[in-house]
Amino acid sequence: FARSLCPLFQDSKCQHRQDAISEIDGEIMLLNKEWKIAINRDGLTYMLFDLNDDPEEHENLAGRHKTKAIDDTLRLRILERLQQSQLP
C-alpha cells in the first residue's frame, strides 16, 4: 500500500486514481476533479455538479440538456467502475 502511494508524495503531478466512487442503499456517487454525479437505484441522475465552475455545489445540473453528454459519460464511468469491482 505505502509503496503504491510513494510516487504521489514525490511528484505532485502524479495521479493515484481518476475518480472516486461510493454506494449507499443502491445509490451511487462518482467524483473526479471536474464533476460530481449521483444516480439513484434506477440509474437516473439526480445530482450533477461542475466542480470547476461551482466548487460549493450550489447549482444542480442534473436533467439539463446542456449537460446530457457529461451525464451520459459519467454514468457510463460508474458502470465501468462497478464492473471492474466485481469478483470473478
Protein backbone atom coordinates (compact mmCIF):
# COMPACT_ATOMS: atom_id res chain seq x y z
CA PHE A 1 0.00 0.00 0.00
CA ALA A 2 2.66 2.54 1.02
CA ARG A 3 4.79 1.66 -1.99
CA SER A 4 1.89 2.44 -4.34
CA LEU A 5 1.37 5.86 -2.72
CA CYS A 6 5.03 6.92 -2.59
CA PRO A 7 5.04 8.36 -6.13
CA LEU A 8 2.16 10.62 -5.10
CA PHE A 9 4.21 12.16 -2.34
CA GLN A 10 7.26 12.61 -4.54
CA ASP A 11 5.55 14.03 -7.64
CA SER A 12 2.62 16.43 -7.24
CA LYS A 13 1.59 15.78 -10.86
CA CYS A 14 1.22 12.05 -10.25
CA GLN A 15 -2.41 10.91 -10.09
CA HIS A 16 -3.40 8.00 -7.86
CA ARG A 17 -6.79 7.39 -9.42
CA GLN A 18 -9.03 9.10 -11.92
CA ASP A 19 -12.12 9.17 -9.73
CA ALA A 20 -13.72 8.02 -6.51
CA ILE A 21 -16.96 6.11 -6.21
CA SER A 22 -19.23 5.34 -3.29
CA GLU A 23 -22.51 3.49 -2.85
CA ILE A 24 -25.15 3.55 -0.16
CA ASP A 25 -28.55 1.90 -0.28
CA GLY A 26 -28.30 1.37 -4.04
CA GLU A 27 -27.48 5.00 -4.82
CA ILE A 28 -24.06 5.67 -6.34
CA MET A 29 -21.89 8.78 -6.36
CA LEU A 30 -18.84 9.34 -8.55
CA LEU A 31 -16.42 12.21 -8.01
CA ASN A 32 -13.48 13.37 -10.09
CA LYS A 33 -11.57 16.64 -10.30
CA GLU A 34 -14.19 18.22 -12.55
CA TRP A 35 -17.56 16.61 -11.77
CA LYS A 36 -19.70 15.06 -9.08
CA ILE A 37 -22.64 12.87 -10.09
CA ALA A 38 -25.13 10.81 -8.09
CA ILE A 39 -27.56 8.29 -9.51
CA ASN A 40 -30.50 6.56 -7.88
CA ARG A 41 -31.36 2.85 -7.85
CA ASP A 42 -32.95 3.18 -11.29
CA GLY A 43 -29.73 4.60 -12.77
CA LEU A 44 -31.19 8.10 -13.12
CA THR A 45 -29.05 11.13 -12.32
CA TYR A 46 -30.39 13.29 -9.52
CA MET A 47 -27.24 15.29 -8.76
CA LEU A 48 -24.66 16.69 -11.16
CA PHE A 49 -22.21 19.44 -10.24
CA ASP A 50 -19.49 21.14 -12.27
CA LEU A 51 -16.80 21.43 -9.60
CA ASN A 52 -14.65 23.82 -11.66
CA ASP A 53 -17.41 26.42 -12.03
CA ASP A 54 -19.33 25.58 -8.85
CA PRO A 55 -16.98 24.09 -6.21
CA GLU A 56 -19.52 24.66 -3.43
CA GLU A 57 -22.19 22.70 -5.35
CA HIS A 58 -24.92 25.34 -5.46
CA GLU A 59 -26.25 24.65 -8.98
CA ASN A 60 -27.51 21.14 -9.64
CA LEU A 61 -27.15 20.48 -13.39
CA ALA A 62 -28.96 17.12 -13.39
CA GLY A 63 -31.54 16.76 -16.14
CA ARG A 64 -30.37 19.75 -18.17
CA HIS A 65 -29.99 19.43 -21.91
CA LYS A 66 -26.63 21.22 -21.96
CA THR A 67 -25.04 18.61 -19.64
CA LYS A 68 -26.58 15.46 -21.14
CA ALA A 69 -23.31 14.34 -22.78
CA ILE A 70 -21.42 14.76 -19.48
CA ASP A 71 -24.19 12.93 -17.63
CA ASP A 72 -24.05 10.01 -20.09
CA THR A 73 -20.25 9.83 -19.91
CA LEU A 74 -20.19 9.83 -16.11
CA ARG A 75 -22.99 7.25 -15.80
CA LEU A 76 -21.00 5.01 -18.18
CA ARG A 77 -17.93 5.52 -15.98
CA ILE A 78 -19.95 4.40 -12.96
CA LEU A 79 -20.94 1.22 -14.79
CA GLU A 80 -17.32 0.60 -15.79
CA ARG A 81 -16.13 1.04 -12.20
CA LEU A 82 -18.85 -1.28 -10.89
CA GLN A 83 -17.89 -3.91 -13.44
CA GLN A 84 -14.20 -3.61 -12.51
CA SER A 85 -15.01 -4.11 -8.84
CA GLN A 86 -16.89 -7.39 -9.30
CA LEU A 87 -15.13 -10.52 -8.19
CA PRO A 88 -14.54 -13.15 -10.91
